[in-house]
Amino acid sequence: MTELRSILLAEDNPNDVELALAGLAELNLANEIVVVRDGAEALDYLHARGKYASRKNGNPAVLLLVLKMPKVDGLQVLREIKSTGNLRSIPVVMVTSSAQESDLVKSYQLGVNAYVVKPVNYREFVAAVKQVGAFWAVINEPPPEDTGHAS
């Protein structure tokens, strides 16, 4: 049996974190949900460095990534993930309030797997996160973990 992978939520807005967690909780997922508050922290988690140096090996099942974040923005995080061999296969879902075509185009050019515009309505936002979480954590068949790392 394969080990459950975490869900990484990179979101700096505490209200949106709460709504996203509520949506994911409705799925009754066994996956651990890791919340990071900025892009630098997301990269620290993914590279298992800093306060995440002792985290268990393995990539998350999905990264729910906010476009506009402090320190390192979502596009910079996405660019690094998709240009780093052992991170490249992580599914990245951009979750943003930006419906600007330039953000959408740039996200797909950098290799985002999905782009979700945050609904303004609270119930719709929870439902959107629930659908995204169900697909990526339950329905989607992830690629096998990189076997080149030490356990």
N, C-alpha and C. Protein backbone atom coordinates (compact mmCIF):
# COMPACT_ATOMS: atom_id res chain seq x y z
N MET A 1 0.85 -1.18 0.00
CA MET A 1 0.00 0.00 0.00
C MET A 1 0.89 1.25 0.00
N THR A 2 0.52 2.20 -0.82
CA THR A 2 1.32 3.42 -0.87
C THR A 2 0.92 4.36 0.27
N GLU A 3 1.91 5.10 0.73
CA GLU A 3 1.68 6.03 1.83
C GLU A 3 0.90 7.24 1.33
N LEU A 4 0.00 7.73 2.16
CA LEU A 4 -0.77 8.92 1.79
C LEU A 4 0.14 10.13 1.71
N ARG A 5 -0.03 10.90 0.67
CA ARG A 5 0.76 12.11 0.51
C ARG A 5 -0.01 13.29 1.10
N SER A 6 0.75 14.25 1.57
CA SER A 6 0.13 15.44 2.15
C SER A 6 -0.48 16.32 1.06
N ILE A 7 -1.31 17.25 1.49
CA ILE A 7 -1.82 18.32 0.63
C ILE A 7 -1.16 19.58 1.16
N LEU A 8 -0.48 20.30 0.27
CA LEU A 8 0.20 21.52 0.68
C LEU A 8 -0.63 22.72 0.25
N LEU A 9 -1.02 23.54 1.22
CA LEU A 9 -1.82 24.74 0.97
C LEU A 9 -0.94 25.95 1.24
N ALA A 10 -0.63 26.70 0.19
CA ALA A 10 0.18 27.92 0.32
C ALA A 10 -0.77 29.10 0.20
N GLU A 11 -1.14 29.66 1.33
CA GLU A 11 -2.16 30.73 1.39
C GLU A 11 -1.83 31.67 2.53
N ASP A 12 -1.77 32.97 2.24
CA ASP A 12 -1.41 33.94 3.28
C ASP A 12 -2.62 34.59 3.95
N ASN A 13 -3.81 34.42 3.39
CA ASN A 13 -5.02 35.03 3.96
C ASN A 13 -5.65 34.06 4.97
N PRO A 14 -5.66 34.41 6.27
CA PRO A 14 -6.18 33.50 7.30
C PRO A 14 -7.63 33.08 7.05
N ASN A 15 -8.46 33.99 6.55
CA ASN A 15 -9.86 33.63 6.26
C ASN A 15 -9.95 32.58 5.16
N ASP A 16 -9.14 32.74 4.12
CA ASP A 16 -9.15 31.78 3.03
C ASP A 16 -8.57 30.44 3.45
N VAL A 17 -7.59 30.45 4.35
CA VAL A 17 -7.05 29.21 4.90
C VAL A 17 -8.18 28.46 5.61
N GLU A 18 -8.92 29.19 6.44
CA GLU A 18 -10.02 28.58 7.18
C GLU A 18 -11.07 27.98 6.24
N LEU A 19 -11.43 28.72 5.19
CA LEU A 19 -12.42 28.22 4.23
C LEU A 19 -11.89 27.01 3.47
N ALA A 20 -10.62 27.07 3.06
CA ALA A 20 -10.04 25.94 2.34
C ALA A 20 -10.01 24.69 3.22
N LEU A 21 -9.61 24.87 4.47
CA LEU A 21 -9.57 23.73 5.40
C LEU A 21 -10.98 23.17 5.63
N ALA A 22 -11.97 24.05 5.69
CA ALA A 22 -13.36 23.59 5.85
C ALA A 22 -13.78 22.75 4.65
N GLY A 23 -13.44 23.21 3.45
CA GLY A 23 -13.79 22.46 2.24
C GLY A 23 -13.11 21.10 2.21
N LEU A 24 -11.84 21.06 2.55
CA LEU A 24 -11.11 19.80 2.56
C LEU A 24 -11.61 18.88 3.68
N ALA A 25 -12.00 19.46 4.81
CA ALA A 25 -12.50 18.65 5.94
C ALA A 25 -13.79 17.92 5.56
N GLU A 26 -14.60 18.54 4.71
CA GLU A 26 -15.85 17.90 4.28
C GLU A 26 -15.60 16.63 3.50
N LEU A 27 -14.39 16.47 2.96
CA LEU A 27 -14.06 15.26 2.20
C LEU A 27 -13.65 14.10 3.11
N ASN A 28 -13.39 14.41 4.39
CA ASN A 28 -12.91 13.40 5.33
C ASN A 28 -11.66 12.70 4.82
N LEU A 29 -10.74 13.48 4.27
CA LEU A 29 -9.50 12.92 3.74
C LEU A 29 -8.60 12.50 4.89
N ALA A 30 -7.85 11.44 4.66
CA ALA A 30 -6.86 11.01 5.64
C ALA A 30 -5.54 11.74 5.42
N ASN A 31 -5.42 12.43 4.29
CA ASN A 31 -4.18 13.14 3.97
C ASN A 31 -3.92 14.25 4.99
N GLU A 32 -2.66 14.40 5.38
CA GLU A 32 -2.27 15.53 6.22
C GLU A 32 -2.34 16.79 5.36
N ILE A 33 -2.86 17.86 5.93
CA ILE A 33 -2.91 19.14 5.21
C ILE A 33 -1.90 20.07 5.88
N VAL A 34 -0.92 20.48 5.09
CA VAL A 34 0.14 21.36 5.59
C VAL A 34 -0.14 22.75 5.05
N VAL A 35 -0.20 23.73 5.96
CA VAL A 35 -0.46 25.11 5.56
C VAL A 35 0.83 25.92 5.70
N VAL A 36 1.21 26.60 4.62
CA VAL A 36 2.34 27.53 4.65
C VAL A 36 1.80 28.91 4.29
N ARG A 37 2.40 29.95 4.86
CA ARG A 37 1.83 31.30 4.76
C ARG A 37 2.46 32.20 3.69
N ASP A 38 3.54 31.72 3.05
CA ASP A 38 4.15 32.52 1.98
C ASP A 38 4.93 31.60 1.06
N GLY A 39 5.38 32.15 -0.06
CA GLY A 39 6.07 31.35 -1.06
C GLY A 39 7.40 30.80 -0.58
N ALA A 40 8.12 31.57 0.23
CA ALA A 40 9.41 31.11 0.75
C ALA A 40 9.20 29.88 1.64
N GLU A 41 8.17 29.91 2.46
CA GLU A 41 7.87 28.77 3.33
C GLU A 41 7.44 27.55 2.50
N ALA A 42 6.71 27.79 1.42
CA ALA A 42 6.30 26.69 0.52
C ALA A 42 7.54 26.01 -0.06
N LEU A 43 8.50 26.81 -0.50
CA LEU A 43 9.73 26.25 -1.07
C LEU A 43 10.56 25.53 0.00
N ASP A 44 10.58 26.07 1.22
CA ASP A 44 11.29 25.39 2.31
C ASP A 44 10.66 24.00 2.55
N TYR A 45 9.34 23.94 2.54
CA TYR A 45 8.66 22.65 2.74
C TYR A 45 9.02 21.68 1.61
N LEU A 46 8.90 22.16 0.38
CA LEU A 46 9.14 21.28 -0.77
C LEU A 46 10.59 20.78 -0.83
N HIS A 47 11.52 21.63 -0.44
CA HIS A 47 12.93 21.25 -0.45
C HIS A 47 13.37 20.62 0.88
N ALA A 48 12.43 20.44 1.83
CA ALA A 48 12.71 19.86 3.15
C ALA A 48 13.92 20.55 3.80
N ARG A 49 13.81 21.87 3.92
CA ARG A 49 14.89 22.64 4.54
C ARG A 49 14.30 23.57 5.60
N GLY A 50 15.18 24.19 6.37
CA GLY A 50 14.71 25.07 7.44
C GLY A 50 13.91 24.29 8.45
N LYS A 51 12.77 24.83 8.85
CA LYS A 51 11.96 24.14 9.87
C LYS A 51 11.33 22.85 9.36
N TYR A 52 11.42 22.61 8.03
CA TYR A 52 10.87 21.38 7.45
C TYR A 52 11.96 20.35 7.13
N ALA A 53 13.17 20.58 7.60
CA ALA A 53 14.30 19.69 7.29
C ALA A 53 14.06 18.26 7.76
N SER A 54 13.29 18.08 8.82
CA SER A 54 13.07 16.73 9.35
C SER A 54 11.73 16.13 8.92
N ARG A 55 11.02 16.79 7.99
CA ARG A 55 9.74 16.23 7.56
C ARG A 55 9.97 14.92 6.81
N LYS A 56 8.93 14.07 6.77
CA LYS A 56 9.09 12.79 6.08
C LYS A 56 9.31 13.04 4.59
N ASN A 57 10.01 12.11 3.96
CA ASN A 57 10.30 12.21 2.53
C ASN A 57 9.03 12.16 1.71
N GLY A 58 9.11 12.67 0.50
CA GLY A 58 7.99 12.55 -0.43
C GLY A 58 7.36 13.89 -0.74
N ASN A 59 6.86 13.98 -1.96
CA ASN A 59 6.18 15.19 -2.40
C ASN A 59 4.71 15.15 -2.03
N PRO A 60 4.09 16.34 -1.92
CA PRO A 60 2.65 16.36 -1.64
C PRO A 60 1.84 15.82 -2.82
N ALA A 61 0.63 15.38 -2.53
CA ALA A 61 -0.28 14.92 -3.58
C ALA A 61 -0.65 16.07 -4.50
N VAL A 62 -0.72 17.25 -3.93
CA VAL A 62 -1.07 18.46 -4.69
C VAL A 62 -0.63 19.68 -3.89
N LEU A 63 -0.30 20.73 -4.62
CA LEU A 63 -0.01 22.03 -4.01
C LEU A 63 -1.09 22.99 -4.45
N LEU A 64 -1.85 23.50 -3.48
CA LEU A 64 -2.83 24.56 -3.75
C LEU A 64 -2.09 25.86 -3.48
N LEU A 65 -1.84 26.61 -4.54
CA LEU A 65 -0.92 27.74 -4.50
C LEU A 65 -1.62 29.05 -4.83
N VAL A 66 -1.47 30.02 -3.95
CA VAL A 66 -2.05 31.34 -4.19
C VAL A 66 -1.08 32.14 -5.04
N LEU A 67 -1.61 32.89 -5.98
CA LEU A 67 -0.80 33.66 -6.91
C LEU A 67 -0.03 34.78 -6.23
N LYS A 68 -0.73 35.60 -5.47
CA LYS A 68 -0.10 36.77 -4.85
C LYS A 68 0.13 36.49 -3.37
N MET A 69 1.42 36.25 -3.02
CA MET A 69 1.81 35.93 -1.65
C MET A 69 3.03 36.75 -1.27
N PRO A 70 3.24 36.92 0.03
CA PRO A 70 4.45 37.64 0.48
C PRO A 70 5.72 36.83 0.21
N LYS A 71 6.84 37.52 0.25
CA LYS A 71 8.20 36.99 0.13
C LYS A 71 8.48 36.45 -1.28
N VAL A 72 7.84 35.36 -1.65
CA VAL A 72 8.01 34.78 -2.98
C VAL A 72 6.60 34.55 -3.52
N ASP A 73 6.28 35.15 -4.68
CA ASP A 73 4.90 35.00 -5.18
C ASP A 73 4.68 33.64 -5.83
N GLY A 74 3.42 33.34 -6.08
CA GLY A 74 3.03 32.04 -6.60
C GLY A 74 3.70 31.68 -7.92
N LEU A 75 3.86 32.65 -8.80
CA LEU A 75 4.50 32.37 -10.09
C LEU A 75 5.97 31.98 -9.90
N GLN A 76 6.65 32.63 -8.97
CA GLN A 76 8.05 32.28 -8.70
C GLN A 76 8.15 30.87 -8.11
N VAL A 77 7.21 30.53 -7.21
CA VAL A 77 7.18 29.19 -6.63
C VAL A 77 6.94 28.16 -7.73
N LEU A 78 5.96 28.43 -8.58
CA LEU A 78 5.63 27.54 -9.69
C LEU A 78 6.84 27.36 -10.61
N ARG A 79 7.51 28.45 -10.95
CA ARG A 79 8.68 28.40 -11.83
C ARG A 79 9.75 27.48 -11.23
N GLU A 80 10.00 27.61 -9.93
CA GLU A 80 11.03 26.77 -9.29
C GLU A 80 10.62 25.31 -9.26
N ILE A 81 9.36 25.04 -8.96
CA ILE A 81 8.89 23.65 -8.90
C ILE A 81 9.05 22.97 -10.25
N LYS A 82 8.61 23.65 -11.29
CA LYS A 82 8.61 23.03 -12.62
C LYS A 82 9.99 22.98 -13.26
N SER A 83 10.98 23.64 -12.64
CA SER A 83 12.34 23.57 -13.16
C SER A 83 13.26 22.73 -12.26
N THR A 84 12.68 22.07 -11.26
CA THR A 84 13.45 21.24 -10.34
C THR A 84 13.03 19.79 -10.52
N GLY A 85 13.98 18.96 -10.93
CA GLY A 85 13.69 17.57 -11.29
C GLY A 85 12.77 16.80 -10.36
N ASN A 86 13.11 16.76 -9.07
CA ASN A 86 12.33 15.93 -8.14
C ASN A 86 11.01 16.58 -7.71
N LEU A 87 10.79 17.84 -8.09
CA LEU A 87 9.53 18.52 -7.74
C LEU A 87 8.61 18.66 -8.95
N ARG A 88 9.15 18.52 -10.15
CA ARG A 88 8.43 18.82 -11.40
C ARG A 88 7.08 18.12 -11.51
N SER A 89 6.98 16.89 -10.99
CA SER A 89 5.74 16.12 -11.16
C SER A 89 4.64 16.47 -10.15
N ILE A 90 4.93 17.37 -9.20
CA ILE A 90 3.90 17.76 -8.22
C ILE A 90 2.79 18.51 -8.95
N PRO A 91 1.54 18.05 -8.82
CA PRO A 91 0.44 18.82 -9.40
C PRO A 91 0.28 20.15 -8.65
N VAL A 92 0.23 21.23 -9.40
CA VAL A 92 0.08 22.56 -8.81
C VAL A 92 -1.22 23.17 -9.32
N VAL A 93 -2.07 23.55 -8.37
CA VAL A 93 -3.32 24.23 -8.70
C VAL A 93 -3.21 25.66 -8.20
N MET A 94 -3.25 26.61 -9.13
CA MET A 94 -3.20 28.02 -8.77
C MET A 94 -4.61 28.39 -8.32
N VAL A 95 -4.73 28.89 -7.09
CA VAL A 95 -6.01 29.31 -6.54
C VAL A 95 -5.87 30.81 -6.29
N THR A 96 -6.64 31.60 -7.00
CA THR A 96 -6.40 33.04 -6.96
C THR A 96 -7.67 33.84 -7.16
N SER A 97 -7.62 35.08 -6.72
CA SER A 97 -8.74 35.99 -6.98
C SER A 97 -8.53 36.71 -8.31
N SER A 98 -7.40 36.46 -8.97
CA SER A 98 -7.08 37.13 -10.23
C SER A 98 -7.66 36.38 -11.42
N ALA A 99 -8.52 37.06 -12.15
CA ALA A 99 -9.03 36.50 -13.39
C ALA A 99 -8.33 37.18 -14.58
N GLN A 100 -7.23 37.88 -14.30
CA GLN A 100 -6.49 38.56 -15.36
C GLN A 100 -5.90 37.53 -16.32
N GLU A 101 -6.12 37.77 -17.60
CA GLU A 101 -5.65 36.84 -18.61
C GLU A 101 -4.14 36.66 -18.55
N SER A 102 -3.39 37.73 -18.24
CA SER A 102 -1.93 37.62 -18.19
C SER A 102 -1.48 36.66 -17.10
N ASP A 103 -2.15 36.66 -15.94
CA ASP A 103 -1.82 35.72 -14.86
C ASP A 103 -2.13 34.28 -15.28
N LEU A 104 -3.27 34.11 -15.92
CA LEU A 104 -3.69 32.80 -16.40
C LEU A 104 -2.69 32.25 -17.42
N VAL A 105 -2.35 33.07 -18.41
CA VAL A 105 -1.42 32.66 -19.47
C VAL A 105 -0.05 32.33 -18.88
N LYS A 106 0.46 33.20 -18.02
CA LYS A 106 1.78 33.00 -17.42
C LYS A 106 1.80 31.71 -16.58
N SER A 107 0.73 31.47 -15.83
CA SER A 107 0.65 30.26 -15.01
C SER A 107 0.75 29.00 -15.88
N TYR A 108 0.00 28.98 -16.98
CA TYR A 108 0.04 27.81 -17.86
C TYR A 108 1.38 27.71 -18.59
N GLN A 109 1.97 28.83 -18.95
CA GLN A 109 3.30 28.80 -19.59
C GLN A 109 4.33 28.19 -18.65
N LEU A 110 4.18 28.42 -17.36
CA LEU A 110 5.12 27.89 -16.37
C LEU A 110 4.80 26.46 -15.95
N GLY A 111 3.67 25.91 -16.43
CA GLY A 111 3.37 24.51 -16.18
C GLY A 111 2.34 24.20 -15.12
N VAL A 112 1.50 25.18 -14.76
CA VAL A 112 0.46 24.91 -13.76
C VAL A 112 -0.47 23.81 -14.28
N ASN A 113 -1.00 22.99 -13.37
CA ASN A 113 -1.90 21.91 -13.76
C ASN A 113 -3.35 22.35 -13.83
N ALA A 114 -3.71 23.36 -13.04
CA ALA A 114 -5.07 23.88 -13.05
C ALA A 114 -5.04 25.30 -12.49
N TYR A 115 -6.02 26.09 -12.89
CA TYR A 115 -6.11 27.49 -12.47
C TYR A 115 -7.55 27.73 -12.02
N VAL A 116 -7.73 28.04 -10.75
CA VAL A 116 -9.06 28.21 -10.18
C VAL A 116 -9.19 29.63 -9.63
N VAL A 117 -10.17 30.36 -10.14
CA VAL A 117 -10.44 31.71 -9.61
C VAL A 117 -11.32 31.55 -8.38
N LYS A 118 -10.87 32.14 -7.27
CA LYS A 118 -11.61 32.04 -6.01
C LYS A 118 -12.98 32.70 -6.16
N PRO A 119 -14.04 31.94 -5.90
CA PRO A 119 -15.36 32.58 -5.87
C PRO A 119 -15.43 33.55 -4.69
N VAL A 120 -16.16 34.62 -4.85
CA VAL A 120 -16.30 35.61 -3.78
C VAL A 120 -17.19 35.06 -2.68
N ASN A 121 -18.21 34.31 -3.08
CA ASN A 121 -19.16 33.73 -2.14
C ASN A 121 -18.50 32.63 -1.31
N TYR A 122 -18.68 32.71 -0.01
CA TYR A 122 -18.06 31.78 0.93
C TYR A 122 -18.40 30.32 0.63
N ARG A 123 -19.68 30.02 0.42
CA ARG A 123 -20.09 28.63 0.15
C ARG A 123 -19.50 28.12 -1.16
N GLU A 124 -19.46 28.98 -2.17
CA GLU A 124 -18.89 28.59 -3.47
C GLU A 124 -17.39 28.35 -3.34
N PHE A 125 -16.72 29.15 -2.50
CA PHE A 125 -15.29 28.96 -2.29
C PHE A 125 -15.02 27.61 -1.63
N VAL A 126 -15.77 27.29 -0.58
CA VAL A 126 -15.62 26.01 0.10
C VAL A 126 -15.89 24.86 -0.88
N ALA A 127 -16.93 24.99 -1.69
CA ALA A 127 -17.27 23.95 -2.67
C ALA A 127 -16.16 23.79 -3.71
N ALA A 128 -15.57 24.89 -4.16
CA ALA A 128 -14.50 24.83 -5.15
C ALA A 128 -13.28 24.10 -4.59
N VAL A 129 -12.89 24.43 -3.36
CA VAL A 129 -11.74 23.76 -2.73
C VAL A 129 -12.05 22.28 -2.54
N LYS A 130 -13.27 21.98 -2.17
CA LYS A 130 -13.67 20.59 -1.97
C LYS A 130 -13.53 19.80 -3.28
N GLN A 131 -13.98 20.39 -4.39
CA GLN A 131 -13.88 19.72 -5.70
C GLN A 131 -12.42 19.52 -6.10
N VAL A 132 -11.62 20.56 -5.92
CA VAL A 132 -10.20 20.48 -6.27
C VAL A 132 -9.51 19.42 -5.41
N GLY A 133 -9.77 19.44 -4.12
CA GLY A 133 -9.17 18.46 -3.21
C GLY A 133 -9.58 17.04 -3.54
N ALA A 134 -10.86 16.84 -3.86
CA ALA A 134 -11.35 15.50 -4.19
C ALA A 134 -10.65 14.97 -5.44
N PHE A 135 -10.52 15.82 -6.44
CA PHE A 135 -9.88 15.37 -7.67
C PHE A 135 -8.41 15.01 -7.44
N TRP A 136 -7.64 15.95 -6.89
CA TRP A 136 -6.20 15.74 -6.80
C TRP A 136 -5.79 14.76 -5.71
N ALA A 137 -6.52 14.69 -4.62
CA ALA A 137 -6.12 13.81 -3.51
C ALA A 137 -6.76 12.43 -3.60
N VAL A 138 -7.90 12.31 -4.31
CA VAL A 138 -8.61 11.03 -4.33
C VAL A 138 -8.67 10.42 -5.73
N ILE A 139 -9.13 11.19 -6.72
CA ILE A 139 -9.38 10.66 -8.05
C ILE A 139 -8.10 10.53 -8.88
N ASN A 140 -7.29 11.58 -8.89
CA ASN A 140 -6.09 11.59 -9.72
C ASN A 140 -5.10 10.52 -9.30
N GLU A 141 -4.52 9.84 -10.27
CA GLU A 141 -3.47 8.85 -10.00
C GLU A 141 -2.13 9.55 -10.16
N PRO A 142 -1.41 9.77 -9.04
CA PRO A 142 -0.15 10.52 -9.12
C PRO A 142 0.96 9.68 -9.73
N PRO A 143 2.00 10.37 -10.24
CA PRO A 143 3.16 9.61 -10.72
C PRO A 143 3.86 8.96 -9.53
N PRO A 144 4.62 7.91 -9.76
CA PRO A 144 5.34 7.30 -8.64
C PRO A 144 6.34 8.29 -8.06
N GLU A 145 6.61 8.15 -6.77
CA GLU A 145 7.61 9.02 -6.12
C GLU A 145 8.95 8.82 -6.78
N ASP A 146 9.74 9.86 -6.79
CA ASP A 146 11.10 9.77 -7.26
C ASP A 146 11.83 8.76 -6.38
N THR A 147 12.45 7.78 -7.00
CA THR A 147 13.10 6.73 -6.20
C THR A 147 14.57 7.03 -5.96
N GLY A 148 15.03 8.19 -6.39
CA GLY A 148 16.44 8.53 -6.23
C GLY A 148 16.81 9.13 -4.89
N HIS A 149 15.86 9.32 -3.99
CA HIS A 149 16.19 9.94 -2.70
C HIS A 149 16.39 8.89 -1.61
N ALA A 150 17.19 9.24 -0.65
CA ALA A 150 17.45 8.32 0.47
C ALA A 150 16.30 8.35 1.45
N SER A 151 16.02 7.21 2.04
CA SER A 151 14.92 7.12 3.00
C SER A 151 15.40 7.37 4.41
